[in-house]
Amino acid sequence: MTTYVITVPGTFVNGVPDAARSDIERRLRPRDPKNTDLGESEELSLLTVEEGGMFSARIEVEAADQAGAETEAVQLVSRALRDSGLAEADAPLGPAFVTGIDSEY
């Protein structure tokens, strides 16, 4: 297995209340990329929200390959958003991509 840091971009269409943002971060906290060497050295943030509602969630995922890591990351972020009360239409996600790889060979 390989540890990937995956970035999942999206947009909060109607903004995001502070309480919802805190809830999303709490739900994703176990996957915080700061737990990886890359996340620590690059000071990656778990959730970054820009003006206009664009956001990036960066999470740590263990998977056999890149495609599996990206798929799992999207599922985890989608679940965190949904469980925090946001419908898919309120926070559509873009395609996930690899931010870093930390393999043990």
PDB file of N, CA and C in Angstrom:
ATOM      1  N   MET A   1       0.840  -1.182   0.000  1.00  0.00           N
ATOM      2  CA  MET A   1       0.000   0.000   0.000  1.00  0.00           C
ATOM      3  C   MET A   1       0.884   1.243   0.000  1.00  0.00           C
ATOM      4  N   THR A   2       0.337   2.270  -0.574  1.00  0.00           N
ATOM      5  CA  THR A   2       1.038   3.540  -0.668  1.00  0.00           C
ATOM      6  C   THR A   2       0.177   4.612  -0.026  1.00  0.00           C
ATOM      7  N   THR A   3       0.824   5.545   0.654  1.00  0.00           N
ATOM      8  CA  THR A   3       0.116   6.675   1.233  1.00  0.00           C
ATOM      9  C   THR A   3       0.143   7.822   0.233  1.00  0.00           C
ATOM     10  N   TYR A   4      -1.039   8.310  -0.111  1.00  0.00           N
ATOM     11  CA  TYR A   4      -1.184   9.431  -1.037  1.00  0.00           C
ATOM     12  C   TYR A   4      -1.760  10.627  -0.290  1.00  0.00           C
ATOM     13  N   VAL A   5      -1.344  11.811  -0.685  1.00  0.00           N
ATOM     14  CA  VAL A   5      -2.039  13.024  -0.278  1.00  0.00           C
ATOM     15  C   VAL A   5      -2.823  13.444  -1.511  1.00  0.00           C
ATOM     16  N   ILE A   6      -4.135  13.472  -1.367  1.00  0.00           N
ATOM     17  CA  ILE A   6      -5.035  13.768  -2.481  1.00  0.00           C
ATOM     18  C   ILE A   6      -5.740  15.099  -2.219  1.00  0.00           C
ATOM     19  N   THR A   7      -5.815  15.920  -3.259  1.00  0.00           N
ATOM     20  CA  THR A   7      -6.559  17.172  -3.175  1.00  0.00           C
ATOM     21  C   THR A   7      -7.870  16.999  -3.927  1.00  0.00           C
ATOM     22  N   VAL A   8      -8.950  17.362  -3.249  1.00  0.00           N
ATOM     23  CA  VAL A   8     -10.286  17.320  -3.851  1.00  0.00           C
ATOM     24  C   VAL A   8     -10.808  18.759  -3.875  1.00  0.00           C
ATOM     25  N   PRO A   9     -10.910  19.363  -5.060  1.00  0.00           N
ATOM     26  CA  PRO A   9     -11.417  20.731  -5.145  1.00  0.00           C
ATOM     27  C   PRO A   9     -12.940  20.749  -5.238  1.00  0.00           C
ATOM     28  N   GLY A  10     -13.510  21.876  -4.897  1.00  0.00           N
ATOM     29  CA  GLY A  10     -14.952  22.020  -5.003  1.00  0.00           C
ATOM     30  C   GLY A  10     -15.346  23.472  -4.830  1.00  0.00           C
ATOM     31  N   THR A  11     -16.648  23.697  -4.821  1.00  0.00           N
ATOM     32  CA  THR A  11     -17.174  25.052  -4.640  1.00  0.00           C
ATOM     33  C   THR A  11     -18.379  25.006  -3.719  1.00  0.00           C
ATOM     34  N   PHE A  12     -18.347  25.858  -2.700  1.00  0.00           N
ATOM     35  CA  PHE A  12     -19.530  26.060  -1.872  1.00  0.00           C
ATOM     36  C   PHE A  12     -20.382  27.082  -2.612  1.00  0.00           C
ATOM     37  N   VAL A  13     -21.420  26.610  -3.268  1.00  0.00           N
ATOM     38  CA  VAL A  13     -22.240  27.451  -4.137  1.00  0.00           C
ATOM     39  C   VAL A  13     -22.869  28.612  -3.371  1.00  0.00           C
ATOM     40  N   ASN A  14     -23.351  28.353  -2.180  1.00  0.00           N
ATOM     41  CA  ASN A  14     -24.027  29.379  -1.380  1.00  0.00           C
ATOM     42  C   ASN A  14     -23.223  29.767  -0.151  1.00  0.00           C
ATOM     43  N   GLY A  15     -21.927  29.615  -0.218  1.00  0.00           N
ATOM     44  CA  GLY A  15     -21.091  29.866   0.951  1.00  0.00           C
ATOM     45  C   GLY A  15     -21.191  28.709   1.925  1.00  0.00           C
ATOM     46  N   VAL A  16     -20.443  28.812   3.004  1.00  0.00           N
ATOM     47  CA  VAL A  16     -20.478  27.754   4.020  1.00  0.00           C
ATOM     48  C   VAL A  16     -20.433  28.416   5.397  1.00  0.00           C
ATOM     49  N   PRO A  17     -21.419  28.120   6.248  1.00  0.00           N
ATOM     50  CA  PRO A  17     -21.407  28.666   7.603  1.00  0.00           C
ATOM     51  C   PRO A  17     -20.192  28.145   8.376  1.00  0.00           C
ATOM     52  N   ASP A  18     -19.706  28.935   9.315  1.00  0.00           N
ATOM     53  CA  ASP A  18     -18.549  28.523  10.116  1.00  0.00           C
ATOM     54  C   ASP A  18     -18.778  27.195  10.815  1.00  0.00           C
ATOM     55  N   ALA A  19     -19.997  26.981  11.302  1.00  0.00           N
ATOM     56  CA  ALA A  19     -20.300  25.727  12.006  1.00  0.00           C
ATOM     57  C   ALA A  19     -20.170  24.535  11.065  1.00  0.00           C
ATOM     58  N   ALA A  20     -20.648  24.679   9.836  1.00  0.00           N
ATOM     59  CA  ALA A  20     -20.545  23.586   8.860  1.00  0.00           C
ATOM     60  C   ALA A  20     -19.082  23.350   8.487  1.00  0.00           C
ATOM     61  N   ARG A  21     -18.334  24.418   8.319  1.00  0.00           N
ATOM     62  CA  ARG A  21     -16.909  24.282   7.977  1.00  0.00           C
ATOM     63  C   ARG A  21     -16.165  23.541   9.087  1.00  0.00           C
ATOM     64  N   SER A  22     -16.429  23.918  10.330  1.00  0.00           N
ATOM     65  CA  SER A  22     -15.796  23.233  11.460  1.00  0.00           C
ATOM     66  C   SER A  22     -16.186  21.766  11.508  1.00  0.00           C
ATOM     67  N   ASP A  23     -17.435  21.474  11.191  1.00  0.00           N
ATOM     68  CA  ASP A  23     -17.913  20.091  11.196  1.00  0.00           C
ATOM     69  C   ASP A  23     -17.223  19.278  10.091  1.00  0.00           C
ATOM     70  N   ILE A  24     -17.080  19.862   8.913  1.00  0.00           N
ATOM     71  CA  ILE A  24     -16.385  19.184   7.808  1.00  0.00           C
ATOM     72  C   ILE A  24     -14.951  18.873   8.211  1.00  0.00           C
ATOM     73  N   GLU A  25     -14.265  19.858   8.769  1.00  0.00           N
ATOM     74  CA  GLU A  25     -12.878  19.652   9.200  1.00  0.00           C
ATOM     75  C   GLU A  25     -12.787  18.573  10.269  1.00  0.00           C
ATOM     76  N   ARG A  26     -13.731  18.566  11.203  1.00  0.00           N
ATOM     77  CA  ARG A  26     -13.731  17.547  12.264  1.00  0.00           C
ATOM     78  C   ARG A  26     -13.886  16.145  11.662  1.00  0.00           C
ATOM     79  N   ARG A  27     -14.761  16.030  10.686  1.00  0.00           N
ATOM     80  CA  ARG A  27     -15.008  14.728  10.057  1.00  0.00           C
ATOM     81  C   ARG A  27     -13.799  14.250   9.240  1.00  0.00           C
ATOM     82  N   LEU A  28     -13.060  15.180   8.668  1.00  0.00           N
ATOM     83  CA  LEU A  28     -11.897  14.815   7.857  1.00  0.00           C
ATOM     84  C   LEU A  28     -10.600  14.733   8.677  1.00  0.00           C
ATOM     85  N   ARG A  29     -10.609  15.220   9.910  1.00  0.00           N
ATOM     86  CA  ARG A  29      -9.394  15.306  10.729  1.00  0.00           C
ATOM     87  C   ARG A  29      -8.578  14.007  10.777  1.00  0.00           C
ATOM     88  N   PRO A  30      -9.190  12.824  10.869  1.00  0.00           N
ATOM     89  CA  PRO A  30      -8.362  11.608  10.895  1.00  0.00           C
ATOM     90  C   PRO A  30      -7.535  11.418   9.610  1.00  0.00           C
ATOM     91  N   ARG A  31      -7.896  12.111   8.554  1.00  0.00           N
ATOM     92  CA  ARG A  31      -7.183  12.008   7.275  1.00  0.00           C
ATOM     93  C   ARG A  31      -6.309  13.223   7.006  1.00  0.00           C
ATOM     94  N   ASP A  32      -6.022  14.009   8.040  1.00  0.00           N
ATOM     95  CA  ASP A  32      -5.228  15.227   7.898  1.00  0.00           C
ATOM     96  C   ASP A  32      -3.866  14.902   7.283  1.00  0.00           C
ATOM     97  N   PRO A  33      -3.490  15.592   6.195  1.00  0.00           N
ATOM     98  CA  PRO A  33      -2.201  15.299   5.560  1.00  0.00           C
ATOM     99  C   PRO A  33      -0.999  15.686   6.412  1.00  0.00           C
ATOM    100  N   LYS A  34      -1.219  16.417   7.493  1.00  0.00           N
ATOM    101  CA  LYS A  34      -0.096  16.764   8.369  1.00  0.00           C
ATOM    102  C   LYS A  34       0.463  15.531   9.052  1.00  0.00           C
ATOM    103  N   ASN A  35      -0.256  14.405   8.936  1.00  0.00           N
ATOM    104  CA  ASN A  35       0.240  13.144   9.485  1.00  0.00           C
ATOM    105  C   ASN A  35       1.298  12.522   8.590  1.00  0.00           C
ATOM    106  N   THR A  36       1.507  13.081   7.400  1.00  0.00           N
ATOM    107  CA  THR A  36       2.506  12.563   6.470  1.00  0.00           C
ATOM    108  C   THR A  36       3.724  13.482   6.459  1.00  0.00           C
ATOM    109  N   ASP A  37       4.865  12.958   6.005  1.00  0.00           N
ATOM    110  CA  ASP A  37       6.067  13.782   5.879  1.00  0.00           C
ATOM    111  C   ASP A  37       5.820  14.949   4.940  1.00  0.00           C
ATOM    112  N   LEU A  38       5.154  14.704   3.821  1.00  0.00           N
ATOM    113  CA  LEU A  38       4.869  15.758   2.848  1.00  0.00           C
ATOM    114  C   LEU A  38       3.959  16.822   3.457  1.00  0.00           C
ATOM    115  N   GLY A  39       2.903  16.390   4.112  1.00  0.00           N
ATOM    116  CA  GLY A  39       1.971  17.339   4.704  1.00  0.00           C
ATOM    117  C   GLY A  39       2.610  18.213   5.753  1.00  0.00           C
ATOM    118  N   GLU A  40       3.511  17.624   6.518  1.00  0.00           N
ATOM    119  CA  GLU A  40       4.201  18.384   7.553  1.00  0.00           C
ATOM    120  C   GLU A  40       5.207  19.359   6.946  1.00  0.00           C
ATOM    121  N   SER A  41       6.008  18.890   5.997  1.00  0.00           N
ATOM    122  CA  SER A  41       7.040  19.755   5.411  1.00  0.00           C
ATOM    123  C   SER A  41       6.457  20.851   4.543  1.00  0.00           C
ATOM    124  N   GLU A  42       5.349  20.582   3.870  1.00  0.00           N
ATOM    125  CA  GLU A  42       4.722  21.569   2.985  1.00  0.00           C
ATOM    126  C   GLU A  42       3.641  22.382   3.692  1.00  0.00           C
ATOM    127  N   GLU A  43       3.386  22.058   4.972  1.00  0.00           N
ATOM    128  CA  GLU A  43       2.367  22.737   5.749  1.00  0.00           C
ATOM    129  C   GLU A  43       1.012  22.747   5.034  1.00  0.00           C
ATOM    130  N   LEU A  44       0.599  21.583   4.566  1.00  0.00           N
ATOM    131  CA  LEU A  44      -0.676  21.458   3.867  1.00  0.00           C
ATOM    132  C   LEU A  44      -1.839  21.602   4.837  1.00  0.00           C
ATOM    133  N   SER A  45      -2.830  22.345   4.433  1.00  0.00           N
ATOM    134  CA  SER A  45      -4.036  22.530   5.237  1.00  0.00           C
ATOM    135  C   SER A  45      -5.063  21.485   4.843  1.00  0.00           C
ATOM    136  N   LEU A  46      -5.813  21.030   5.807  1.00  0.00           N
ATOM    137  CA  LEU A  46      -6.860  20.042   5.585  1.00  0.00           C
ATOM    138  C   LEU A  46      -7.964  20.602   4.687  1.00  0.00           C
ATOM    139  N   LEU A  47      -8.407  21.822   4.979  1.00  0.00           N
ATOM    140  CA  LEU A  47      -9.479  22.454   4.200  1.00  0.00           C
ATOM    141  C   LEU A  47      -9.143  23.924   4.016  1.00  0.00           C
ATOM    142  N   THR A  48      -9.066  24.339   2.768  1.00  0.00           N
ATOM    143  CA  THR A  48      -8.798  25.734   2.437  1.00  0.00           C
ATOM    144  C   THR A  48      -9.998  26.266   1.670  1.00  0.00           C
ATOM    145  N   VAL A  49     -10.532  27.404   2.112  1.00  0.00           N
ATOM    146  CA  VAL A  49     -11.678  28.014   1.441  1.00  0.00           C
ATOM    147  C   VAL A  49     -11.258  29.404   0.964  1.00  0.00           C
ATOM    148  N   GLU A  50     -11.454  29.646  -0.326  1.00  0.00           N
ATOM    149  CA  GLU A  50     -11.106  30.925  -0.946  1.00  0.00           C
ATOM    150  C   GLU A  50     -12.352  31.783  -1.100  1.00  0.00           C
ATOM    151  N   GLU A  51     -12.146  33.065  -1.401  1.00  0.00           N
ATOM    152  CA  GLU A  51     -13.284  33.926  -1.699  1.00  0.00           C
ATOM    153  C   GLU A  51     -14.014  33.360  -2.908  1.00  0.00           C
ATOM    154  N   GLY A  52     -15.294  33.532  -2.950  1.00  0.00           N
ATOM    155  CA  GLY A  52     -16.085  32.972  -4.036  1.00  0.00           C
ATOM    156  C   GLY A  52     -16.533  31.552  -3.762  1.00  0.00           C
ATOM    157  N   GLY A  53     -16.133  30.998  -2.605  1.00  0.00           N
ATOM    158  CA  GLY A  53     -16.592  29.679  -2.213  1.00  0.00           C
ATOM    159  C   GLY A  53     -15.771  28.504  -2.720  1.00  0.00           C
ATOM    160  N   MET A  54     -14.731  28.770  -3.522  1.00  0.00           N
ATOM    161  CA  MET A  54     -13.907  27.645  -3.982  1.00  0.00           C
ATOM    162  C   MET A  54     -13.135  27.082  -2.793  1.00  0.00           C
ATOM    163  N   PHE A  55     -13.048  25.752  -2.736  1.00  0.00           N
ATOM    164  CA  PHE A  55     -12.316  25.127  -1.642  1.00  0.00           C
ATOM    165  C   PHE A  55     -11.472  23.964  -2.140  1.00  0.00           C
ATOM    166  N   SER A  56     -10.514  23.591  -1.304  1.00  0.00           N
ATOM    167  CA  SER A  56      -9.688  22.412  -1.549  1.00  0.00           C
ATOM    168  C   SER A  56      -9.597  21.638  -0.246  1.00  0.00           C
ATOM    169  N   ALA A  57      -9.932  20.369  -0.321  1.00  0.00           N
ATOM    170  CA  ALA A  57      -9.755  19.467   0.814  1.00  0.00           C
ATOM    171  C   ALA A  57      -8.549  18.592   0.481  1.00  0.00           C
ATOM    172  N   ARG A  58      -7.575  18.547   1.381  1.00  0.00           N
ATOM    173  CA  ARG A  58      -6.386  17.719   1.185  1.00  0.00           C
ATOM    174  C   ARG A  58      -6.390  16.651   2.263  1.00  0.00           C
ATOM    175  N   ILE A  59      -6.419  15.395   1.818  1.00  0.00           N
ATOM    176  CA  ILE A  59      -6.498  14.306   2.782  1.00  0.00           C
ATOM    177  C   ILE A  59      -5.502  13.212   2.444  1.00  0.00           C
ATOM    178  N   GLU A  60      -5.177  12.457   3.463  1.00  0.00           N
ATOM    179  CA  GLU A  60      -4.266  11.315   3.351  1.00  0.00           C
ATOM    180  C   GLU A  60      -5.095  10.056   3.108  1.00  0.00           C
ATOM    181  N   VAL A  61      -4.684   9.276   2.113  1.00  0.00           N
ATOM    182  CA  VAL A  61      -5.391   8.045   1.770  1.00  0.00           C
ATOM    183  C   VAL A  61      -4.361   6.952   1.502  1.00  0.00           C
ATOM    184  N   GLU A  62      -4.607   5.768   2.021  1.00  0.00           N
ATOM    185  CA  GLU A  62      -3.763   4.615   1.685  1.00  0.00           C
ATOM    186  C   GLU A  62      -4.493   3.790   0.647  1.00  0.00           C
ATOM    187  N   ALA A  63      -3.803   3.495  -0.449  1.00  0.00           N
ATOM    188  CA  ALA A  63      -4.426   2.736  -1.534  1.00  0.00           C
ATOM    189  C   ALA A  63      -3.352   2.000  -2.317  1.00  0.00           C
ATOM    190  N   ALA A  64      -3.798   1.043  -3.105  1.00  0.00           N
ATOM    191  CA  ALA A  64      -2.878   0.260  -3.937  1.00  0.00           C
ATOM    192  C   ALA A  64      -2.390   1.050  -5.140  1.00  0.00           C
ATOM    193  N   ASP A  65      -3.219   2.011  -5.613  1.00  0.00           N
ATOM    194  CA  ASP A  65      -2.825   2.779  -6.793  1.00  0.00           C
ATOM    195  C   ASP A  65      -3.457   4.160  -6.765  1.00  0.00           C
ATOM    196  N   GLN A  66      -3.019   5.004  -7.677  1.00  0.00           N
ATOM    197  CA  GLN A  66      -3.476   6.384  -7.739  1.00  0.00           C
ATOM    198  C   GLN A  66      -4.977   6.494  -7.964  1.00  0.00           C
ATOM    199  N   ALA A  67      -5.504   5.728  -8.890  1.00  0.00           N
ATOM    200  CA  ALA A  67      -6.937   5.790  -9.186  1.00  0.00           C
ATOM    201  C   ALA A  67      -7.767   5.431  -7.960  1.00  0.00           C
ATOM    202  N   GLY A  68      -7.349   4.404  -7.249  1.00  0.00           N
ATOM    203  CA  GLY A  68      -8.059   4.002  -6.037  1.00  0.00           C
ATOM    204  C   GLY A  68      -7.992   5.069  -4.964  1.00  0.00           C
ATOM    205  N   ALA A  69      -6.851   5.723  -4.841  1.00  0.00           N
ATOM    206  CA  ALA A  69      -6.695   6.786  -3.854  1.00  0.00           C
ATOM    207  C   ALA A  69      -7.597   7.973  -4.179  1.00  0.00           C
ATOM    208  N   GLU A  70      -7.635   8.354  -5.452  1.00  0.00           N
ATOM    209  CA  GLU A  70      -8.475   9.484  -5.868  1.00  0.00           C
ATOM    210  C   GLU A  70      -9.954   9.178  -5.650  1.00  0.00           C
ATOM    211  N   THR A  71     -10.375   7.966  -5.990  1.00  0.00           N
ATOM    212  CA  THR A  71     -11.772   7.563  -5.801  1.00  0.00           C
ATOM    213  C   THR A  71     -12.144   7.585  -4.327  1.00  0.00           C
ATOM    214  N   GLU A  72     -11.287   7.024  -3.482  1.00  0.00           N
ATOM    215  CA  GLU A  72     -11.568   6.991  -2.049  1.00  0.00           C
ATOM    216  C   GLU A  72     -11.618   8.405  -1.470  1.00  0.00           C
ATOM    217  N   ALA A  73     -10.729   9.277  -1.919  1.00  0.00           N
ATOM    218  CA  ALA A  73     -10.701  10.657  -1.422  1.00  0.00           C
ATOM    219  C   ALA A  73     -12.006  11.383  -1.745  1.00  0.00           C
ATOM    220  N   VAL A  74     -12.484  11.233  -2.962  1.00  0.00           N
ATOM    221  CA  VAL A  74     -13.745  11.877  -3.354  1.00  0.00           C
ATOM    222  C   VAL A  74     -14.891  11.342  -2.493  1.00  0.00           C
ATOM    223  N   GLN A  75     -14.916  10.040  -2.251  1.00  0.00           N
ATOM    224  CA  GLN A  75     -15.967   9.446  -1.422  1.00  0.00           C
ATOM    225  C   GLN A  75     -15.910   9.986   0.008  1.00  0.00           C
ATOM    226  N   LEU A  76     -14.711  10.103   0.568  1.00  0.00           N
ATOM    227  CA  LEU A  76     -14.554  10.600   1.935  1.00  0.00           C
ATOM    228  C   LEU A  76     -14.985  12.058   2.061  1.00  0.00           C
ATOM    229  N   VAL A  77     -14.572  12.884   1.102  1.00  0.00           N
ATOM    230  CA  VAL A  77     -14.950  14.301   1.150  1.00  0.00           C
ATOM    231  C   VAL A  77     -16.448  14.453   0.916  1.00  0.00           C
ATOM    232  N   SER A  78     -16.999  13.710  -0.033  1.00  0.00           N
ATOM    233  CA  SER A  78     -18.448  13.758  -0.284  1.00  0.00           C
ATOM    234  C   SER A  78     -19.229  13.394   0.964  1.00  0.00           C
ATOM    235  N   ARG A  79     -18.802  12.348   1.646  1.00  0.00           N
ATOM    236  CA  ARG A  79     -19.490  11.911   2.866  1.00  0.00           C
ATOM    237  C   ARG A  79     -19.385  12.974   3.959  1.00  0.00           C
ATOM    238  N   ALA A  80     -18.216  13.585   4.113  1.00  0.00           N
ATOM    239  CA  ALA A  80     -18.044  14.627   5.131  1.00  0.00           C
ATOM    240  C   ALA A  80     -18.957  15.818   4.846  1.00  0.00           C
ATOM    241  N   LEU A  81     -19.058  16.203   3.575  1.00  0.00           N
ATOM    242  CA  LEU A  81     -19.943  17.311   3.199  1.00  0.00           C
ATOM    243  C   LEU A  81     -21.408  16.955   3.475  1.00  0.00           C
ATOM    244  N   ARG A  82     -21.806  15.780   3.032  1.00  0.00           N
ATOM    245  CA  ARG A  82     -23.199  15.332   3.204  1.00  0.00           C
ATOM    246  C   ARG A  82     -23.542  15.218   4.690  1.00  0.00           C
ATOM    247  N   ASP A  83     -22.638  14.609   5.468  1.00  0.00           N
ATOM    248  CA  ASP A  83     -22.889  14.432   6.901  1.00  0.00           C
ATOM    249  C   ASP A  83     -22.887  15.762   7.653  1.00  0.00           C
ATOM    250  N   SER A  84     -22.327  16.794   7.030  1.00  0.00           N
ATOM    251  CA  SER A  84     -22.320  18.134   7.625  1.00  0.00           C
ATOM    252  C   SER A  84     -23.510  18.960   7.156  1.00  0.00           C
ATOM    253  N   GLY A  85     -24.429  18.332   6.417  1.00  0.00           N
ATOM    254  CA  GLY A  85     -25.661  18.985   6.022  1.00  0.00           C
ATOM    255  C   GLY A  85     -25.650  19.660   4.668  1.00  0.00           C
ATOM    256  N   LEU A  86     -24.623  19.426   3.869  1.00  0.00           N
ATOM    257  CA  LEU A  86     -24.554  20.035   2.544  1.00  0.00           C
ATOM    258  C   LEU A  86     -24.931  19.024   1.464  1.00  0.00           C
ATOM    259  N   ALA A  87     -25.882  19.399   0.630  1.00  0.00           N
ATOM    260  CA  ALA A  87     -26.267  18.549  -0.494  1.00  0.00           C
ATOM    261  C   ALA A  87     -25.198  18.643  -1.579  1.00  0.00           C
ATOM    262  N   GLU A  88     -25.161  17.651  -2.452  1.00  0.00           N
ATOM    263  CA  GLU A  88     -24.178  17.631  -3.533  1.00  0.00           C
ATOM    264  C   GLU A  88     -24.262  18.897  -4.383  1.00  0.00           C
ATOM    265  N   ALA A  89     -25.472  19.407  -4.608  1.00  0.00           N
ATOM    266  CA  ALA A  89     -25.653  20.619  -5.412  1.00  0.00           C
ATOM    267  C   ALA A  89     -25.129  21.865  -4.700  1.00  0.00           C
ATOM    268  N   ASP A  90     -25.027  21.806  -3.359  1.00  0.00           N
ATOM    269  CA  ASP A  90     -24.532  22.945  -2.585  1.00  0.00           C
ATOM    270  C   ASP A  90     -23.004  23.021  -2.563  1.00  0.00           C
ATOM    271  N   ALA A  91     -22.344  21.889  -2.842  1.00  0.00           N
ATOM    272  CA  ALA A  91     -20.882  21.835  -2.796  1.00  0.00           C
ATOM    273  C   ALA A  91     -20.375  20.810  -3.821  1.00  0.00           C
ATOM    274  N   PRO A  92     -20.544  21.127  -5.131  1.00  0.00           N
ATOM    275  CA  PRO A  92     -20.062  20.181  -6.140  1.00  0.00           C
ATOM    276  C   PRO A  92     -18.541  20.053  -6.092  1.00  0.00           C
ATOM    277  N   LEU A  93     -18.076  18.852  -6.373  1.00  0.00           N
ATOM    278  CA  LEU A  93     -16.649  18.566  -6.341  1.00  0.00           C
ATOM    279  C   LEU A  93     -16.075  18.474  -7.746  1.00  0.00           C
ATOM    280  N   GLY A  94     -14.826  18.858  -7.865  1.00  0.00           N
ATOM    281  CA  GLY A  94     -14.103  18.705  -9.118  1.00  0.00           C
ATOM    282  C   GLY A  94     -13.307  17.419  -9.074  1.00  0.00           C
ATOM    283  N   PRO A  95     -12.527  17.155 -10.123  1.00  0.00           N
ATOM    284  CA  PRO A  95     -11.736  15.928 -10.142  1.00  0.00           C
ATOM    285  C   PRO A  95     -10.592  15.968  -9.127  1.00  0.00           C
ATOM    286  N   ALA A  96     -10.429  14.876  -8.412  1.00  0.00           N
ATOM    287  CA  ALA A  96      -9.360  14.761  -7.425  1.00  0.00           C
ATOM    288  C   ALA A  96      -8.025  14.579  -8.134  1.00  0.00           C
ATOM    289  N   PHE A  97      -6.949  14.988  -7.449  1.00  0.00           N
ATOM    290  CA  PHE A  97      -5.617  14.781  -8.019  1.00  0.00           C
ATOM    291  C   PHE A  97      -4.608  14.545  -6.902  1.00  0.00           C
ATOM    292  N   VAL A  98      -3.519  13.887  -7.276  1.00  0.00           N
ATOM    293  CA  VAL A  98      -2.470  13.555  -6.322  1.00  0.00           C
ATOM    294  C   VAL A  98      -1.636  14.797  -6.037  1.00  0.00           C
ATOM    295  N   THR A  99      -1.498  15.102  -4.752  1.00  0.00           N
ATOM    296  CA  THR A  99      -0.651  16.201  -4.309  1.00  0.00           C
ATOM    297  C   THR A  99       0.716  15.669  -3.901  1.00  0.00           C
ATOM    298  N   GLY A 100       0.745  14.431  -3.401  1.00  0.00           N
ATOM    299  CA  GLY A 100       2.003  13.823  -2.981  1.00  0.00           C
ATOM    300  C   GLY A 100       1.856  12.346  -2.772  1.00  0.00           C
ATOM    301  N   ILE A 101       2.998  11.657  -2.821  1.00  0.00           N
ATOM    302  CA  ILE A 101       3.038  10.209  -2.618  1.00  0.00           C
ATOM    303  C   ILE A 101       4.133   9.913  -1.614  1.00  0.00           C
ATOM    304  N   ASP A 102       3.806   9.072  -0.648  1.00  0.00           N
ATOM    305  CA  ASP A 102       4.755   8.675   0.383  1.00  0.00           C
ATOM    306  C   ASP A 102       4.763   7.159   0.436  1.00  0.00           C
ATOM    307  N   SER A 103       5.538   6.533  -0.424  1.00  0.00           N
ATOM    308  CA  SER A 103       5.564   5.067  -0.473  1.00  0.00           C
ATOM    309  C   SER A 103       6.737   4.547   0.345  1.00  0.00           C
ATOM    310  N   GLU A 104       6.548   3.355   0.853  1.00  0.00           N
ATOM    311  CA  GLU A 104       7.601   2.720   1.657  1.00  0.00           C
ATOM    312  C   GLU A 104       8.195   1.562   0.856  1.00  0.00           C
ATOM    313  N   TYR A 105       9.282   1.851   0.142  1.00  0.00           N
ATOM    314  CA  TYR A 105       9.970   0.811  -0.629  1.00  0.00           C
ATOM    315  C   TYR A 105      11.354   0.627  -0.115  1.00  0.00           C
TER     316      TYR A 105
END
